[in-house]
N, C-alpha and C. Protein backbone atom coordinates (compact mmCIF):
# COMPACT_ATOMS: atom_id res chain seq x y z
N GLY A 1 160.79 96.70 69.04
CA GLY A 1 160.77 95.75 69.86
C GLY A 1 160.72 97.35 70.99
N ASN A 2 161.17 98.49 70.26
CA ASN A 2 161.55 99.25 71.38
C ASN A 2 160.53 100.65 71.03
N ILE A 3 159.24 99.85 72.07
CA ILE A 3 158.47 101.39 71.83
C ILE A 3 158.56 103.15 71.77
N MET A 4 159.12 102.58 73.35
CA MET A 4 159.00 104.28 74.18
C MET A 4 160.45 104.41 74.24
N MET A 5 161.38 103.74 74.48
CA MET A 5 162.42 103.48 74.92
C MET A 5 163.29 103.43 73.83
N PRO A 6 164.71 103.34 73.84
CA PRO A 6 165.39 104.86 74.65
C PRO A 6 164.38 106.27 73.72
N PRO A 7 164.96 107.09 74.61
CA PRO A 7 163.97 107.79 74.20
C PRO A 7 165.38 109.09 72.68
N GLY A 8 163.82 109.11 72.00
CA GLY A 8 164.71 110.04 70.81
C GLY A 8 164.77 108.55 69.86
N ASP A 9 165.01 107.82 70.35
CA ASP A 9 165.54 106.48 69.31
C ASP A 9 163.94 105.28 69.51
N SER A 10 163.50 105.89 70.33
CA SER A 10 162.49 105.23 70.36
C SER A 10 161.59 104.52 68.47
N ALA A 11 160.64 103.92 68.73
CA ALA A 11 159.50 102.97 67.55
C ALA A 11 158.12 104.72 67.85
N TYR A 12 158.15 105.20 69.04
CA TYR A 12 157.43 106.49 68.77
C TYR A 12 158.07 107.69 68.93
N ASP A 13 158.93 107.96 69.36
CA ASP A 13 159.89 109.44 68.96
C ASP A 13 159.93 109.11 67.33
N LEU A 14 160.50 108.06 67.27
CA LEU A 14 160.87 108.42 65.29
C LEU A 14 160.01 108.70 64.03
N TYR A 15 158.73 107.91 64.99
CA TYR A 15 157.32 108.08 63.88
C TYR A 15 156.40 109.87 64.07
N ARG A 16 156.89 110.21 65.47
CA ARG A 16 156.22 111.63 66.16
C ARG A 16 157.23 112.87 64.89
N SER A 17 159.09 112.49 64.80
CA SER A 17 159.90 112.44 64.18
C SER A 17 158.74 113.09 62.62
N ALA A 18 159.06 111.69 62.18
CA ALA A 18 158.66 111.80 60.53
C ALA A 18 157.18 112.68 60.74
N LEU A 19 156.16 112.33 61.44
CA LEU A 19 155.39 113.19 61.29
C LEU A 19 155.59 114.78 61.46
N ALA A 20 157.09 115.36 62.09
CA ALA A 20 157.46 116.47 62.86
C ALA A 20 157.21 116.88 60.97
N ILE A 21 157.50 116.74 60.46
CA ILE A 21 158.29 116.72 58.74
C ILE A 21 157.43 116.46 57.72
N ASP A 22 156.98 115.67 57.78
CA ASP A 22 155.21 115.51 57.43
C ASP A 22 154.50 115.04 57.94
N GLY A 23 153.30 115.86 57.73
CA GLY A 23 152.64 115.93 59.61
C GLY A 23 150.76 115.12 58.09
N ASN A 24 151.31 114.37 56.91
CA ASN A 24 150.45 113.70 56.21
C ASN A 24 151.49 112.70 56.17
N ASN A 25 152.62 112.42 56.10
CA ASN A 25 152.73 110.70 55.91
C ASN A 25 151.88 109.96 56.70
N SER A 26 151.74 108.92 55.63
CA SER A 26 150.50 107.92 55.99
C SER A 26 151.15 106.49 56.80
N ALA A 27 152.12 106.02 56.25
CA ALA A 27 153.34 105.29 56.83
C ALA A 27 153.24 105.80 58.44
N ALA A 28 153.82 107.26 58.96
CA ALA A 28 153.95 107.37 60.04
C ALA A 28 152.42 107.32 60.58
N LEU A 29 152.27 107.73 60.39
CA LEU A 29 150.46 107.82 60.51
C LEU A 29 149.77 106.54 61.24
N ASN A 30 150.44 105.90 60.74
CA ASN A 30 149.63 104.70 60.35
C ASN A 30 150.83 103.77 62.31
N GLY A 31 151.23 104.07 61.23
CA GLY A 31 152.78 103.14 62.76
C GLY A 31 152.22 104.05 63.87
N LEU A 32 152.16 105.51 63.97
CA LEU A 32 151.93 105.56 65.56
C LEU A 32 150.73 105.29 65.89
N GLN A 33 149.50 104.73 65.31
CA GLN A 33 148.63 104.65 65.33
C GLN A 33 148.10 103.45 65.82
N GLY A 34 149.21 102.41 65.73
CA GLY A 34 149.17 100.95 65.22
C GLY A 34 150.37 100.44 66.12
N LEU A 35 150.54 101.38 67.32
CA LEU A 35 151.34 101.33 67.97
C LEU A 35 150.43 100.53 69.80
N ALA A 36 149.23 101.13 69.07
CA ALA A 36 149.05 100.73 70.90
C ALA A 36 148.70 99.42 71.08
N GLY A 37 148.37 98.61 69.94
CA GLY A 37 148.11 97.44 69.43
C GLY A 37 149.63 95.92 69.55
N VAL A 38 150.73 97.19 69.27
CA VAL A 38 151.53 95.94 69.06
C VAL A 38 151.62 96.07 70.39
N VAL A 39 151.75 96.97 71.38
CA VAL A 39 151.94 96.66 72.93
C VAL A 39 151.47 95.99 73.29
N GLU A 40 149.78 95.89 72.89
CA GLU A 40 148.80 95.26 73.83
C GLU A 40 149.14 94.12 73.58
N GLN A 41 149.63 93.46 72.30
CA GLN A 41 150.05 91.76 71.41
C GLN A 41 150.91 91.34 72.86
N GLN A 42 152.32 92.69 72.82
CA GLN A 42 153.28 91.98 73.60
C GLN A 42 152.94 92.51 75.29
N PHE A 43 152.27 92.57 75.44
CA PHE A 43 151.65 92.58 76.96
C PHE A 43 150.89 90.92 76.80
N ARG A 44 149.97 90.99 76.18
CA ARG A 44 149.40 89.57 76.22
C ARG A 44 150.47 88.38 76.55
N GLN A 45 151.31 88.67 75.59
CA GLN A 45 152.50 87.69 75.19
C GLN A 45 153.72 87.45 76.60
N ALA A 46 153.46 88.06 77.64
CA ALA A 46 154.60 88.78 78.14
C ALA A 46 154.15 87.59 79.22
N LEU A 47 152.42 88.15 79.61
CA LEU A 47 151.30 87.83 80.84
C LEU A 47 151.56 86.06 80.42
N GLY A 48 151.32 86.15 79.38
CA GLY A 48 151.04 84.32 78.74
C GLY A 48 152.62 83.14 79.39
N ALA A 49 153.34 84.11 79.13
CA ALA A 49 154.91 83.55 79.21
C ALA A 49 155.43 83.54 80.79
N GLY A 50 154.29 84.18 81.83
CA GLY A 50 154.32 84.66 82.69
C GLY A 50 155.55 85.39 83.39
N LYS A 51 156.22 86.56 82.12
CA LYS A 51 156.50 87.72 82.32
C LYS A 51 156.39 88.33 83.20
N LEU A 52 155.91 88.83 83.90
CA LEU A 52 154.71 90.00 84.71
C LEU A 52 155.50 91.22 85.02
N ALA A 53 157.23 91.13 84.87
CA ALA A 53 157.50 92.62 85.21
C ALA A 53 157.60 93.46 83.67
N GLN A 54 158.25 92.94 82.56
CA GLN A 54 157.71 92.64 81.15
C GLN A 54 156.55 92.78 80.78
N ALA A 55 155.59 92.29 81.62
CA ALA A 55 154.45 92.49 80.57
C ALA A 55 154.15 94.56 81.71
N ASP A 56 154.25 94.33 82.95
CA ASP A 56 153.99 95.38 84.18
C ASP A 56 154.70 97.02 82.95
N ASP A 57 155.26 96.20 82.18
CA ASP A 57 156.59 97.61 81.05
C ASP A 57 155.45 97.85 80.08
N MET A 58 155.23 97.19 79.39
CA MET A 58 153.68 97.01 78.33
C MET A 58 152.77 97.53 78.83
N LEU A 59 152.31 97.69 79.83
CA LEU A 59 151.35 98.08 80.15
C LEU A 59 151.34 99.34 80.99
N ALA A 60 152.73 100.27 81.19
CA ALA A 60 153.31 100.70 80.92
C ALA A 60 153.13 102.12 79.58
N ASN A 61 153.51 101.39 79.06
CA ASN A 61 153.92 101.54 77.09
C ASN A 61 151.85 102.10 77.59
N LEU A 62 151.80 100.86 77.46
CA LEU A 62 150.97 101.53 76.56
C LEU A 62 149.27 102.79 77.58
N ALA A 63 149.49 102.78 78.82
CA ALA A 63 149.26 103.62 78.90
C ALA A 63 149.70 105.14 79.00
N GLU A 64 150.89 105.09 78.58
CA GLU A 64 151.22 106.52 77.20
C GLU A 64 151.03 106.86 76.26
N LEU A 65 151.08 105.53 74.97
CA LEU A 65 150.34 105.76 74.32
C LEU A 65 149.19 106.03 74.12
N ALA A 66 148.09 105.52 74.49
CA ALA A 66 146.63 105.63 74.89
C ALA A 66 146.35 105.99 75.92
N PRO A 67 146.65 106.59 76.84
CA PRO A 67 145.73 107.04 77.82
C PRO A 67 144.21 107.14 77.81
N GLY A 68 143.72 106.85 78.99
CA GLY A 68 141.54 106.74 79.02
C GLY A 68 141.83 105.48 78.72
N ASP A 69 142.01 104.79 77.70
CA ASP A 69 141.48 103.20 76.56
C ASP A 69 140.63 102.80 77.85
N PRO A 70 139.59 102.45 77.62
CA PRO A 70 138.74 102.01 78.80
C PRO A 70 139.59 99.84 79.10
N ALA A 71 139.75 100.69 77.94
CA ALA A 71 140.67 98.66 77.61
C ALA A 71 141.95 98.18 78.80
N GLN A 72 142.14 99.16 79.54
CA GLN A 72 143.45 99.29 80.65
C GLN A 72 142.80 99.21 82.09
N GLY A 73 141.62 99.10 82.14
CA GLY A 73 141.14 98.80 83.33
C GLY A 73 141.47 96.96 83.68
N ALA A 74 140.97 96.60 82.18
CA ALA A 74 140.64 94.73 82.17
C ALA A 74 142.02 94.73 82.72
N LEU A 75 143.28 95.06 81.34
CA LEU A 75 144.50 94.97 81.84
C LEU A 75 145.36 94.98 83.07
N ASN A 76 144.65 95.73 83.85
CA ASN A 76 145.43 95.88 85.25
C ASN A 76 145.03 94.73 85.75
N ASN A 77 143.97 94.50 85.69
CA ASN A 77 143.44 93.35 86.39
C ASN A 77 143.57 92.30 86.42
N GLN A 78 143.83 91.78 85.07
CA GLN A 78 144.02 90.62 84.49
C GLN A 78 145.67 90.12 85.13
N LEU A 79 146.47 91.66 84.45
CA LEU A 79 147.89 91.72 84.79
C LEU A 79 148.72 90.84 86.88
N ALA A 80 147.04 91.84 88.08
CA ALA A 80 147.30 91.96 88.97
C ALA A 80 146.49 90.94 89.85
N SER A 81 145.95 89.88 88.72
CA SER A 81 145.71 88.86 89.36
C SER A 81 146.37 87.22 88.71
N ALA A 82 147.51 87.98 87.80
CA ALA A 82 148.86 86.81 87.48
C ALA A 82 149.46 87.38 89.02
N TRP A 83 149.73 88.39 89.31
CA TRP A 83 150.86 88.80 90.92
C TRP A 83 150.50 87.88 91.69
N LEU A 84 149.26 88.02 91.67
CA LEU A 84 148.78 87.31 92.68
C LEU A 84 148.54 86.13 93.08
N ASP A 85 148.40 85.44 91.48
CA ASP A 85 149.30 84.07 91.68
C ASP A 85 150.31 83.13 91.57
N ARG A 86 150.83 84.63 90.95
CA ARG A 86 152.29 83.94 91.96
C ARG A 86 152.64 84.74 93.57
N ALA A 87 151.79 86.09 93.71
CA ALA A 87 152.04 85.82 95.49
C ALA A 87 151.89 84.05 96.48
N GLU A 88 150.86 83.93 95.81
CA GLU A 88 150.07 82.70 96.38
C GLU A 88 151.36 81.30 96.33
N GLN A 89 151.82 81.31 95.36
CA GLN A 89 152.35 80.66 94.87
C GLN A 89 154.05 80.89 95.67
N GLN A 90 154.29 81.65 95.61
CA GLN A 90 154.88 81.93 96.33
C GLN A 90 155.10 82.10 98.42
N LEU A 91 154.22 82.72 98.83
CA LEU A 91 153.88 82.10 100.22
C LEU A 91 153.01 80.63 99.97
N GLY A 92 153.09 79.65 99.48
CA GLY A 92 152.83 78.23 99.57
C GLY A 92 154.58 77.71 99.35
N SER A 93 154.91 78.56 98.80
CA SER A 93 156.50 77.15 98.88
C SER A 93 157.55 78.46 100.25
N GLY A 94 157.12 79.19 100.94
CA GLY A 94 157.99 79.84 102.30
C GLY A 94 158.84 81.14 101.93
N ASP A 95 158.39 81.38 100.49
CA ASP A 95 158.92 83.14 99.53
C ASP A 95 158.33 84.10 100.59
N ARG A 96 158.39 84.99 101.85
CA ARG A 96 157.22 85.29 102.28
C ARG A 96 157.83 86.68 101.16
N ILE A 97 159.54 87.06 101.41
CA ILE A 97 159.29 88.24 101.03
C ILE A 97 159.37 88.48 99.56
N GLY A 98 159.08 87.27 98.16
CA GLY A 98 158.91 87.88 97.04
C GLY A 98 157.61 87.67 97.92
N ALA A 99 156.46 86.85 98.00
CA ALA A 99 154.99 87.02 98.40
C ALA A 99 154.67 88.29 98.18
N SER A 100 155.16 89.27 99.20
CA SER A 100 155.38 90.27 99.68
C SER A 100 154.86 90.72 98.49
N GLN A 101 156.40 91.35 98.35
CA GLN A 101 156.63 91.85 96.85
C GLN A 101 155.44 91.57 95.93
N SER A 102 154.91 91.07 95.31
CA SER A 102 154.50 90.31 94.15
C SER A 102 152.88 91.34 94.77
N LEU A 103 152.97 89.98 95.98
CA LEU A 103 151.69 91.68 96.37
C LEU A 103 151.53 92.98 96.04
N ALA A 104 152.52 93.15 96.77
CA ALA A 104 152.49 94.78 96.06
C ALA A 104 151.61 95.15 94.91
N ARG A 105 152.82 94.29 93.98
CA ARG A 105 153.06 94.80 92.76
C ARG A 105 151.21 95.16 92.08
N ALA A 106 150.08 94.07 92.67
CA ALA A 106 149.28 93.69 92.86
C ALA A 106 148.52 94.72 92.82
N ARG A 107 148.88 95.07 94.38
CA ARG A 107 148.52 96.67 95.06
C ARG A 107 148.13 97.62 94.01
N LYS A 108 149.09 97.77 93.74
CA LYS A 108 149.67 98.72 92.32
C LYS A 108 148.65 98.72 91.36
N LEU A 109 148.95 98.00 91.05
CA LEU A 109 147.40 97.97 89.60
C LEU A 109 145.94 97.54 90.09
N ALA A 110 145.87 97.19 90.59
CA ALA A 110 144.45 97.25 91.39
C ALA A 110 143.65 96.95 92.51
N PRO A 111 144.52 97.91 92.90
CA PRO A 111 143.81 98.14 94.66
C PRO A 111 142.63 97.30 95.46
N ASN A 112 142.08 96.99 94.51
CA ASN A 112 140.92 96.70 95.70
C ASN A 112 140.36 95.58 94.67
N HIS A 113 141.12 94.71 94.27
CA HIS A 113 141.19 93.42 93.63
C HIS A 113 140.54 92.25 94.90
N PRO A 114 139.36 92.00 94.42
CA PRO A 114 139.03 91.35 95.74
C PRO A 114 140.29 89.58 96.97
N ARG A 115 141.19 90.18 96.05
CA ARG A 115 141.76 88.66 96.37
C ARG A 115 142.83 89.56 97.24
N LEU A 116 143.45 90.44 97.41
CA LEU A 116 144.68 91.17 97.89
C LEU A 116 143.95 91.15 99.41
N LEU A 117 143.06 91.16 100.26
CA LEU A 117 142.79 91.48 101.65
C LEU A 117 142.96 89.64 101.86
N ASP A 118 142.14 88.61 101.65
CA ASP A 118 142.76 87.81 101.91
C ASP A 118 144.67 87.04 101.96
N LEU A 119 144.91 87.48 100.51
CA LEU A 119 146.23 86.57 100.87
C LEU A 119 147.08 88.01 101.39
N SER A 120 146.45 89.28 101.81
CA SER A 120 147.72 89.52 102.66
C SER A 120 146.97 89.43 104.06
N ALA A 121 146.33 89.14 104.39
CA ALA A 121 146.26 88.36 105.16
C ALA A 121 147.01 87.83 105.73
N ARG A 122 147.26 86.49 104.40
CA ARG A 122 147.19 84.57 105.35
C ARG A 122 148.85 85.07 105.39
N LEU A 123 149.03 86.27 104.55
CA LEU A 123 150.94 86.40 104.48
C LEU A 123 151.71 87.61 106.12
N GLN A 124 149.89 87.97 106.54
CA GLN A 124 150.54 88.69 108.10
C GLN A 124 150.51 87.49 109.41
N GLY A 125 149.57 86.21 108.49
CA GLY A 125 149.59 85.73 109.52
C GLY A 125 150.07 84.86 109.71
N GLY A 126 151.77 84.33 109.06
CA GLY A 126 152.24 83.26 108.77
C GLY A 126 151.91 82.55 108.27
N GLN A 127 150.59 82.23 107.07
CA GLN A 127 149.80 81.07 106.72
C GLN A 127 151.23 81.02 105.00
């Protein structure tokens, strides 16, 4: 479960240490290459369970493990949509502070998401 943290004792660091000793170690090579898939699976599990902050952490790990991976854009949008769903629920229950925080999380992930403007306007308008 410790993919990127703690430094020096994470799966990522331990695989890299093994490869520094033996650059042809197939178990370490396979393990390092498989980390992105593990992280994506953990992201999907967290997202499905409504653990959005944990999903956010997994997305950050994935960005470190597989920079530039084209799948990350879709994952960003999925998580942004989940944050927007939460903001809408919070707004509906009168939790304007929570809704504002959820909107900020969504904006960080997908600043051009089509639902952002509507929810932001509703939050500003007091609806």
